[in-house]
Amino acid sequence: MMETRVLEFLLKNIKTIEDQYTVAIAGKSAKNYDEYCEMCGVIKGLSFCKQEIDTVLKRFIADEDLE
């Protein structure tokens, strides 16, 4: 189903971006505390998006199994 492929694509891209921010924080690339907090907020937002997309993806897969 096309919807599941799109959602899987989004999850993959979001995970890549989240990993980039995580590596940046681990590498201490934040110039100051405010920038660090902003980066943490981005990671938190991306994590929330991943959870929501994963929930929708599971519903699509469950619906496909019923058909």
C-alpha atoms as a PDB file:
ATOM      1  CA  MET A   1       0.000   0.000   0.000  1.00  0.00           C
ATOM      2  CA  MET A   2       1.308   3.403  -0.971  1.00  0.00           C
ATOM      3  CA  GLU A   3       0.460   4.969   2.393  1.00  0.00           C
ATOM      4  CA  THR A   4       2.670   2.561   4.305  1.00  0.00           C
ATOM      5  CA  ARG A   5       5.607   3.215   1.988  1.00  0.00           C
ATOM      6  CA  VAL A   6       5.235   6.971   2.458  1.00  0.00           C
ATOM      7  CA  LEU A   7       5.070   6.615   6.239  1.00  0.00           C
ATOM      8  CA  GLU A   8       8.083   4.297   6.292  1.00  0.00           C
ATOM      9  CA  PHE A   9       9.987   6.813   4.154  1.00  0.00           C
ATOM     10  CA  LEU A  10       9.093   9.619   6.581  1.00  0.00           C
ATOM     11  CA  LEU A  11      10.139   7.538   9.584  1.00  0.00           C
ATOM     12  CA  LYS A  12      13.491   6.782   7.979  1.00  0.00           C
ATOM     13  CA  ASN A  13      14.159  10.450   7.184  1.00  0.00           C
ATOM     14  CA  ILE A  14      13.073  11.641  10.618  1.00  0.00           C
ATOM     15  CA  LYS A  15      15.329   9.029  12.254  1.00  0.00           C
ATOM     16  CA  THR A  16      18.260  10.239  10.138  1.00  0.00           C
ATOM     17  CA  ILE A  17      17.704  13.855  11.175  1.00  0.00           C
ATOM     18  CA  GLU A  18      17.243  12.856  14.815  1.00  0.00           C
ATOM     19  CA  ASP A  19      20.510  10.907  14.700  1.00  0.00           C
ATOM     20  CA  GLN A  20      22.312  13.941  13.249  1.00  0.00           C
ATOM     21  CA  TYR A  21      21.128  16.107  16.133  1.00  0.00           C
ATOM     22  CA  THR A  22      22.062  13.426  18.661  1.00  0.00           C
ATOM     23  CA  VAL A  23      25.568  13.184  17.233  1.00  0.00           C
ATOM     24  CA  ALA A  24      25.850  16.976  17.276  1.00  0.00           C
ATOM     25  CA  ILE A  25      24.892  17.109  20.950  1.00  0.00           C
ATOM     26  CA  ALA A  26      27.251  14.261  21.805  1.00  0.00           C
ATOM     27  CA  GLY A  27      30.008  16.093  19.936  1.00  0.00           C
ATOM     28  CA  LYS A  28      29.352  19.201  22.024  1.00  0.00           C
ATOM     29  CA  SER A  29      28.657  21.321  18.965  1.00  0.00           C
ATOM     30  CA  ALA A  30      26.203  23.580  20.781  1.00  0.00           C
ATOM     31  CA  LYS A  31      27.800  26.976  21.249  1.00  0.00           C
ATOM     32  CA  ASN A  32      25.863  27.764  24.407  1.00  0.00           C
ATOM     33  CA  TYR A  33      23.132  26.463  26.697  1.00  0.00           C
ATOM     34  CA  ASP A  34      20.330  28.033  24.645  1.00  0.00           C
ATOM     35  CA  GLU A  35      21.515  26.279  21.496  1.00  0.00           C
ATOM     36  CA  TYR A  36      21.806  23.026  23.434  1.00  0.00           C
ATOM     37  CA  CYS A  37      18.222  23.405  24.669  1.00  0.00           C
ATOM     38  CA  GLU A  38      17.029  24.138  21.147  1.00  0.00           C
ATOM     39  CA  MET A  39      18.734  21.009  19.832  1.00  0.00           C
ATOM     40  CA  CYS A  40      17.170  18.942  22.605  1.00  0.00           C
ATOM     41  CA  GLY A  41      13.787  20.405  21.705  1.00  0.00           C
ATOM     42  CA  VAL A  42      14.248  19.430  18.069  1.00  0.00           C
ATOM     43  CA  ILE A  43      15.071  15.867  19.112  1.00  0.00           C
ATOM     44  CA  LYS A  44      12.034  15.766  21.380  1.00  0.00           C
ATOM     45  CA  GLY A  45       9.795  17.028  18.569  1.00  0.00           C
ATOM     46  CA  LEU A  46      11.201  14.532  16.083  1.00  0.00           C
ATOM     47  CA  SER A  47      10.705  11.729  18.602  1.00  0.00           C
ATOM     48  CA  PHE A  48       7.072  12.757  19.027  1.00  0.00           C
ATOM     49  CA  CYS A  49       6.598  12.781  15.241  1.00  0.00           C
ATOM     50  CA  LYS A  50       8.120   9.315  14.953  1.00  0.00           C
ATOM     51  CA  GLN A  51       5.731   7.975  17.591  1.00  0.00           C
ATOM     52  CA  GLU A  52       2.700   9.471  15.883  1.00  0.00           C
ATOM     53  CA  ILE A  53       3.705   8.235  12.439  1.00  0.00           C
ATOM     54  CA  ASP A  54       4.466   4.792  13.848  1.00  0.00           C
ATOM     55  CA  THR A  55       0.996   4.659  15.401  1.00  0.00           C
ATOM     56  CA  VAL A  56      -0.643   5.536  12.080  1.00  0.00           C
ATOM     57  CA  LEU A  57       1.583   3.074  10.239  1.00  0.00           C
ATOM     58  CA  LYS A  58       0.563   0.253  12.584  1.00  0.00           C
ATOM     59  CA  ARG A  59      -3.109   1.082  11.977  1.00  0.00           C
ATOM     60  CA  PHE A  60      -2.597   0.968   8.206  1.00  0.00           C
ATOM     61  CA  ILE A  61      -0.823  -2.373   8.489  1.00  0.00           C
ATOM     62  CA  ALA A  62      -3.573  -3.753  10.729  1.00  0.00           C
ATOM     63  CA  ASP A  63      -6.213  -2.583   8.256  1.00  0.00           C
ATOM     64  CA  GLU A  64      -4.315  -4.226   5.397  1.00  0.00           C
ATOM     65  CA  ASP A  65      -4.287  -7.516   7.324  1.00  0.00           C
ATOM     66  CA  LEU A  66      -8.065  -7.353   7.686  1.00  0.00           C
ATOM     67  CA  GLU A  67      -8.625  -6.959   3.955  1.00  0.00           C
END
